[in-house]
PDB file of N, CA and C in Angstrom:
ATOM      1  N   MET A   1      -8.236   6.298  18.776  1.00  0.00           N
ATOM      2  CA  MET A   1      -7.709   6.331  17.421  1.00  0.00           C
ATOM      3  C   MET A   1      -8.698   7.093  16.534  1.00  0.00           C
ATOM      4  N   THR A   2      -8.154   7.986  15.721  1.00  0.00           N
ATOM      5  CA  THR A   2      -9.022   8.733  14.817  1.00  0.00           C
ATOM      6  C   THR A   2      -9.471   7.828  13.670  1.00  0.00           C
ATOM      7  N   GLU A   3     -10.538   8.233  13.020  1.00  0.00           N
ATOM      8  CA  GLU A   3     -11.071   7.440  11.916  1.00  0.00           C
ATOM      9  C   GLU A   3     -10.049   7.314  10.787  1.00  0.00           C
ATOM     10  N   PHE A   4      -9.332   8.399  10.473  1.00  0.00           N
ATOM     11  CA  PHE A   4      -8.360   8.332   9.383  1.00  0.00           C
ATOM     12  C   PHE A   4      -7.199   7.409   9.731  1.00  0.00           C
ATOM     13  N   LYS A   5      -6.763   7.395  10.988  1.00  0.00           N
ATOM     14  CA  LYS A   5      -5.705   6.464  11.389  1.00  0.00           C
ATOM     15  C   LYS A   5      -6.166   5.026  11.208  1.00  0.00           C
ATOM     16  N   LEU A   6      -7.414   4.766  11.515  1.00  0.00           N
ATOM     17  CA  LEU A   6      -7.974   3.435  11.328  1.00  0.00           C
ATOM     18  C   LEU A   6      -8.014   3.071   9.846  1.00  0.00           C
ATOM     19  N   ILE A   7      -8.449   4.009   9.018  1.00  0.00           N
ATOM     20  CA  ILE A   7      -8.499   3.779   7.569  1.00  0.00           C
ATOM     21  C   ILE A   7      -7.106   3.497   7.018  1.00  0.00           C
ATOM     22  N   LYS A   8      -6.104   4.218   7.517  1.00  0.00           N
ATOM     23  CA  LYS A   8      -4.739   4.050   7.010  1.00  0.00           C
ATOM     24  C   LYS A   8      -4.146   2.681   7.331  1.00  0.00           C
ATOM     25  N   GLN A   9      -4.790   1.909   8.164  1.00  0.00           N
ATOM     26  CA  GLN A   9      -4.300   0.561   8.488  1.00  0.00           C
ATOM     27  C   GLN A   9      -4.680  -0.474   7.431  1.00  0.00           C
ATOM     28  N   HIS A  10      -5.623  -0.150   6.543  1.00  0.00           N
ATOM     29  CA  HIS A  10      -6.123  -1.180   5.633  1.00  0.00           C
ATOM     30  C   HIS A  10      -5.082  -1.759   4.673  1.00  0.00           C
ATOM     31  N   PRO A  11      -4.079  -1.005   4.195  1.00  0.00           N
ATOM     32  CA  PRO A  11      -3.084  -1.659   3.344  1.00  0.00           C
ATOM     33  C   PRO A  11      -2.315  -2.759   4.090  1.00  0.00           C
ATOM     34  N   GLN A  12      -1.948  -2.491   5.329  1.00  0.00           N
ATOM     35  CA  GLN A  12      -1.222  -3.497   6.121  1.00  0.00           C
ATOM     36  C   GLN A  12      -2.113  -4.693   6.421  1.00  0.00           C
ATOM     37  N   THR A  13      -3.373  -4.438   6.729  1.00  0.00           N
ATOM     38  CA  THR A  13      -4.308  -5.525   7.016  1.00  0.00           C
ATOM     39  C   THR A  13      -4.480  -6.420   5.797  1.00  0.00           C
ATOM     40  N   GLY A  14      -4.675  -5.802   4.634  1.00  0.00           N
ATOM     41  CA  GLY A  14      -4.809  -6.579   3.399  1.00  0.00           C
ATOM     42  C   GLY A  14      -3.563  -7.390   3.100  1.00  0.00           C
ATOM     43  N   TYR A  15      -2.409  -6.770   3.275  1.00  0.00           N
ATOM     44  CA  TYR A  15      -1.132  -7.458   3.070  1.00  0.00           C
ATOM     45  C   TYR A  15      -1.022  -8.670   3.996  1.00  0.00           C
ATOM     46  N   ASP A  16      -1.344  -8.470   5.261  1.00  0.00           N
ATOM     47  CA  ASP A  16      -1.249  -9.561   6.234  1.00  0.00           C
ATOM     48  C   ASP A  16      -2.166 -10.721   5.875  1.00  0.00           C
ATOM     49  N   ILE A  17      -3.313 -10.420   5.291  1.00  0.00           N
ATOM     50  CA  ILE A  17      -4.264 -11.473   4.918  1.00  0.00           C
ATOM     51  C   ILE A  17      -3.733 -12.319   3.769  1.00  0.00           C
ATOM     52  N   VAL A  18      -3.111 -11.706   2.763  1.00  0.00           N
ATOM     53  CA  VAL A  18      -2.733 -12.453   1.556  1.00  0.00           C
ATOM     54  C   VAL A  18      -1.268 -12.869   1.486  1.00  0.00           C
ATOM     55  N   LYS A  19      -0.413 -12.341   2.342  1.00  0.00           N
ATOM     56  CA  LYS A  19       1.038 -12.546   2.182  1.00  0.00           C
ATOM     57  C   LYS A  19       1.472 -14.006   2.227  1.00  0.00           C
ATOM     58  N   ASP A  20       0.804 -14.836   2.986  1.00  0.00           N
ATOM     59  CA  ASP A  20       1.210 -16.237   3.085  1.00  0.00           C
ATOM     60  C   ASP A  20       0.300 -17.163   2.289  1.00  0.00           C
ATOM     61  N   GLY A  21      -0.534 -16.592   1.441  1.00  0.00           N
ATOM     62  CA  GLY A  21      -1.458 -17.385   0.637  1.00  0.00           C
ATOM     63  C   GLY A  21      -0.834 -17.816  -0.680  1.00  0.00           C
ATOM     64  N   PRO A  22      -1.671 -18.322  -1.578  1.00  0.00           N
ATOM     65  CA  PRO A  22      -1.169 -18.884  -2.837  1.00  0.00           C
ATOM     66  C   PRO A  22      -0.834 -17.850  -3.913  1.00  0.00           C
ATOM     67  N   LEU A  23      -1.171 -16.592  -3.694  1.00  0.00           N
ATOM     68  CA  LEU A  23      -0.903 -15.575  -4.712  1.00  0.00           C
ATOM     69  C   LEU A  23       0.576 -15.187  -4.718  1.00  0.00           C
ATOM     70  N   PRO A  24       1.069 -14.716  -5.863  1.00  0.00           N
ATOM     71  CA  PRO A  24       2.467 -14.263  -5.920  1.00  0.00           C
ATOM     72  C   PRO A  24       2.708 -13.125  -4.927  1.00  0.00           C
ATOM     73  N   ASN A  25       3.914 -13.036  -4.408  1.00  0.00           N
ATOM     74  CA  ASN A  25       4.266 -12.001  -3.427  1.00  0.00           C
ATOM     75  C   ASN A  25       3.999 -10.595  -3.948  1.00  0.00           C
ATOM     76  N   VAL A  26       4.108 -10.391  -5.249  1.00  0.00           N
ATOM     77  CA  VAL A  26       3.894  -9.058  -5.811  1.00  0.00           C
ATOM     78  C   VAL A  26       2.459  -8.585  -5.557  1.00  0.00           C
ATOM     79  N   VAL A  27       1.511  -9.496  -5.452  1.00  0.00           N
ATOM     80  CA  VAL A  27       0.128  -9.113  -5.164  1.00  0.00           C
ATOM     81  C   VAL A  27       0.046  -8.536  -3.751  1.00  0.00           C
ATOM     82  N   ALA A  28       0.635  -9.218  -2.789  1.00  0.00           N
ATOM     83  CA  ALA A  28       0.635  -8.737  -1.408  1.00  0.00           C
ATOM     84  C   ALA A  28       1.350  -7.388  -1.308  1.00  0.00           C
ATOM     85  N   GLU A  29       2.473  -7.259  -1.982  1.00  0.00           N
ATOM     86  CA  GLU A  29       3.232  -6.002  -1.933  1.00  0.00           C
ATOM     87  C   GLU A  29       2.461  -4.869  -2.607  1.00  0.00           C
ATOM     88  N   THR A  30       1.732  -5.164  -3.670  1.00  0.00           N
ATOM     89  CA  THR A  30       0.901  -4.157  -4.328  1.00  0.00           C
ATOM     90  C   THR A  30      -0.191  -3.669  -3.392  1.00  0.00           C
ATOM     91  N   ILE A  31      -0.823  -4.587  -2.679  1.00  0.00           N
ATOM     92  CA  ILE A  31      -1.843  -4.213  -1.701  1.00  0.00           C
ATOM     93  C   ILE A  31      -1.232  -3.295  -0.645  1.00  0.00           C
ATOM     94  N   LEU A  32      -0.059  -3.637  -0.177  1.00  0.00           N
ATOM     95  CA  LEU A  32       0.597  -2.840   0.861  1.00  0.00           C
ATOM     96  C   LEU A  32       0.963  -1.438   0.370  1.00  0.00           C
ATOM     97  N   GLN A  33       1.349  -1.317  -0.885  1.00  0.00           N
ATOM     98  CA  GLN A  33       1.861  -0.046  -1.400  1.00  0.00           C
ATOM     99  C   GLN A  33       0.840   0.809  -2.152  1.00  0.00           C
ATOM    100  N   HIS A  34      -0.407   0.403  -2.263  1.00  0.00           N
ATOM    101  CA  HIS A  34      -1.326   1.092  -3.176  1.00  0.00           C
ATOM    102  C   HIS A  34      -1.707   2.509  -2.759  1.00  0.00           C
ATOM    103  N   HIS A  35      -1.333   2.967  -1.577  1.00  0.00           N
ATOM    104  CA  HIS A  35      -1.562   4.358  -1.191  1.00  0.00           C
ATOM    105  C   HIS A  35      -0.249   5.136  -1.024  1.00  0.00           C
ATOM    106  N   GLU A  36       0.855   4.558  -1.434  1.00  0.00           N
ATOM    107  CA  GLU A  36       2.131   5.282  -1.416  1.00  0.00           C
ATOM    108  C   GLU A  36       2.110   6.312  -2.542  1.00  0.00           C
ATOM    109  N   ARG A  37       2.827   7.411  -2.343  1.00  0.00           N
ATOM    110  CA  ARG A  37       2.871   8.485  -3.337  1.00  0.00           C
ATOM    111  C   ARG A  37       4.320   8.771  -3.724  1.00  0.00           C
ATOM    112  N   LEU A  38       4.509   9.174  -4.961  1.00  0.00           N
ATOM    113  CA  LEU A  38       5.863   9.402  -5.465  1.00  0.00           C
ATOM    114  C   LEU A  38       6.651  10.383  -4.613  1.00  0.00           C
ATOM    115  N   ASP A  39       5.984  11.338  -3.990  1.00  0.00           N
ATOM    116  CA  ASP A  39       6.691  12.335  -3.179  1.00  0.00           C
ATOM    117  C   ASP A  39       6.925  11.887  -1.739  1.00  0.00           C
ATOM    118  N   GLY A  40       6.537  10.665  -1.398  1.00  0.00           N
ATOM    119  CA  GLY A  40       6.774  10.137  -0.056  1.00  0.00           C
ATOM    120  C   GLY A  40       5.702  10.471   0.959  1.00  0.00           C
ATOM    121  N   SER A  41       4.634  11.125   0.533  1.00  0.00           N
ATOM    122  CA  SER A  41       3.598  11.534   1.478  1.00  0.00           C
ATOM    123  C   SER A  41       2.494  10.500   1.678  1.00  0.00           C
ATOM    124  N   GLY A  42       2.643   9.339   1.066  1.00  0.00           N
ATOM    125  CA  GLY A  42       1.620   8.309   1.192  1.00  0.00           C
ATOM    126  C   GLY A  42       1.780   7.470   2.444  1.00  0.00           C
ATOM    127  N   TYR A  43       1.040   6.379   2.481  1.00  0.00           N
ATOM    128  CA  TYR A  43       1.073   5.480   3.639  1.00  0.00           C
ATOM    129  C   TYR A  43       0.932   4.052   3.159  1.00  0.00           C
ATOM    130  N   PRO A  44       1.342   3.064   3.900  1.00  0.00           N
ATOM    131  CA  PRO A  44       1.692   3.089   5.311  1.00  0.00           C
ATOM    132  C   PRO A  44       3.174   3.336   5.600  1.00  0.00           C
ATOM    133  N   ARG A  45       4.045   3.188   4.604  1.00  0.00           N
ATOM    134  CA  ARG A  45       5.486   3.272   4.893  1.00  0.00           C
ATOM    135  C   ARG A  45       6.152   4.558   4.439  1.00  0.00           C
ATOM    136  N   GLY A  46       5.427   5.440   3.770  1.00  0.00           N
ATOM    137  CA  GLY A  46       6.017   6.689   3.304  1.00  0.00           C
ATOM    138  C   GLY A  46       7.074   6.486   2.232  1.00  0.00           C
ATOM    139  N   LEU A  47       6.878   5.483   1.381  1.00  0.00           N
ATOM    140  CA  LEU A  47       7.833   5.221   0.300  1.00  0.00           C
ATOM    141  C   LEU A  47       7.746   6.334  -0.736  1.00  0.00           C
ATOM    142  N   SER A  48       8.803   6.483  -1.522  1.00  0.00           N
ATOM    143  CA  SER A  48       8.797   7.495  -2.574  1.00  0.00           C
ATOM    144  C   SER A  48       9.531   6.980  -3.798  1.00  0.00           C
ATOM    145  N   GLY A  49       9.219   7.598  -4.926  1.00  0.00           N
ATOM    146  CA  GLY A  49       9.925   7.335  -6.175  1.00  0.00           C
ATOM    147  C   GLY A  49      10.119   5.867  -6.503  1.00  0.00           C
ATOM    148  N   GLN A  50      11.371   5.487  -6.710  1.00  0.00           N
ATOM    149  CA  GLN A  50      11.731   4.133  -7.120  1.00  0.00           C
ATOM    150  C   GLN A  50      11.483   3.070  -6.053  1.00  0.00           C
ATOM    151  N   GLU A  51      11.199   3.481  -4.827  1.00  0.00           N
ATOM    152  CA  GLU A  51      10.891   2.515  -3.769  1.00  0.00           C
ATOM    153  C   GLU A  51       9.520   1.859  -3.987  1.00  0.00           C
ATOM    154  N   ILE A  52       8.662   2.508  -4.757  1.00  0.00           N
ATOM    155  CA  ILE A  52       7.310   2.008  -5.000  1.00  0.00           C
ATOM    156  C   ILE A  52       7.334   1.111  -6.228  1.00  0.00           C
ATOM    157  N   ILE A  53       6.807  -0.101  -6.063  1.00  0.00           N
ATOM    158  CA  ILE A  53       6.814  -1.029  -7.196  1.00  0.00           C
ATOM    159  C   ILE A  53       5.839  -0.558  -8.278  1.00  0.00           C
ATOM    160  N   GLU A  54       6.144  -0.914  -9.513  1.00  0.00           N
ATOM    161  CA  GLU A  54       5.346  -0.475 -10.657  1.00  0.00           C
ATOM    162  C   GLU A  54       3.892  -0.921 -10.537  1.00  0.00           C
ATOM    163  N   GLU A  55       3.663  -2.125 -10.052  1.00  0.00           N
ATOM    164  CA  GLU A  55       2.303  -2.641  -9.928  1.00  0.00           C
ATOM    165  C   GLU A  55       1.456  -1.755  -9.002  1.00  0.00           C
ATOM    166  N   ALA A  56       2.059  -1.280  -7.933  1.00  0.00           N
ATOM    167  CA  ALA A  56       1.333  -0.414  -7.005  1.00  0.00           C
ATOM    168  C   ALA A  56       1.025   0.935  -7.643  1.00  0.00           C
ATOM    169  N   GLU A  57       1.900   1.410  -8.512  1.00  0.00           N
ATOM    170  CA  GLU A  57       1.643   2.663  -9.213  1.00  0.00           C
ATOM    171  C   GLU A  57       0.390   2.549 -10.073  1.00  0.00           C
ATOM    172  N   HIS A  58       0.183   1.384 -10.675  1.00  0.00           N
ATOM    173  CA  HIS A  58      -1.000   1.176 -11.514  1.00  0.00           C
ATOM    174  C   HIS A  58      -2.275   1.137 -10.695  1.00  0.00           C
ATOM    175  N   TRP A  59      -2.191   0.699  -9.458  1.00  0.00           N
ATOM    176  CA  TRP A  59      -3.369   0.550  -8.595  1.00  0.00           C
ATOM    177  C   TRP A  59      -3.532   1.673  -7.598  1.00  0.00           C
ATOM    178  N   ARG A  60      -2.605   2.597  -7.572  1.00  0.00           N
ATOM    179  CA  ARG A  60      -2.663   3.695  -6.602  1.00  0.00           C
ATOM    180  C   ARG A  60      -3.921   4.521  -6.821  1.00  0.00           C
ATOM    181  N   LEU A  61      -4.581   4.832  -5.734  1.00  0.00           N
ATOM    182  CA  LEU A  61      -5.806   5.624  -5.791  1.00  0.00           C
ATOM    183  C   LEU A  61      -5.479   7.061  -5.412  1.00  0.00           C
ATOM    184  N   PRO A  62      -6.100   8.024  -6.095  1.00  0.00           N
ATOM    185  CA  PRO A  62      -5.850   9.409  -5.697  1.00  0.00           C
ATOM    186  C   PRO A  62      -6.449   9.678  -4.320  1.00  0.00           C
ATOM    187  N   MET A  63      -5.728  10.416  -3.513  1.00  0.00           N
ATOM    188  CA  MET A  63      -6.228  10.786  -2.191  1.00  0.00           C
ATOM    189  C   MET A  63      -6.696  12.226  -2.263  1.00  0.00           C
ATOM    190  N   TYR A  64      -7.916  12.452  -1.944  1.00  0.00           N
ATOM    191  CA  TYR A  64      -8.496  13.798  -2.005  1.00  0.00           C
ATOM    192  C   TYR A  64      -8.487  14.442  -0.663  1.00  0.00           C
TER     193      TYR A  64
END
């Protein structure tokens, strides 16, 4: 596995850690979606536009 493929797993890993905990589901979903991009080129699910929740848009990090 390449290093970038390993890095791209972190949203799913974070989601899996918090999804069944005491935090609201929107927190887990925000963690999962924080690298999605409006044009669909993000990860882990390749969501685009309206598929991305607003909370994740606020936390999205630019990918260089």
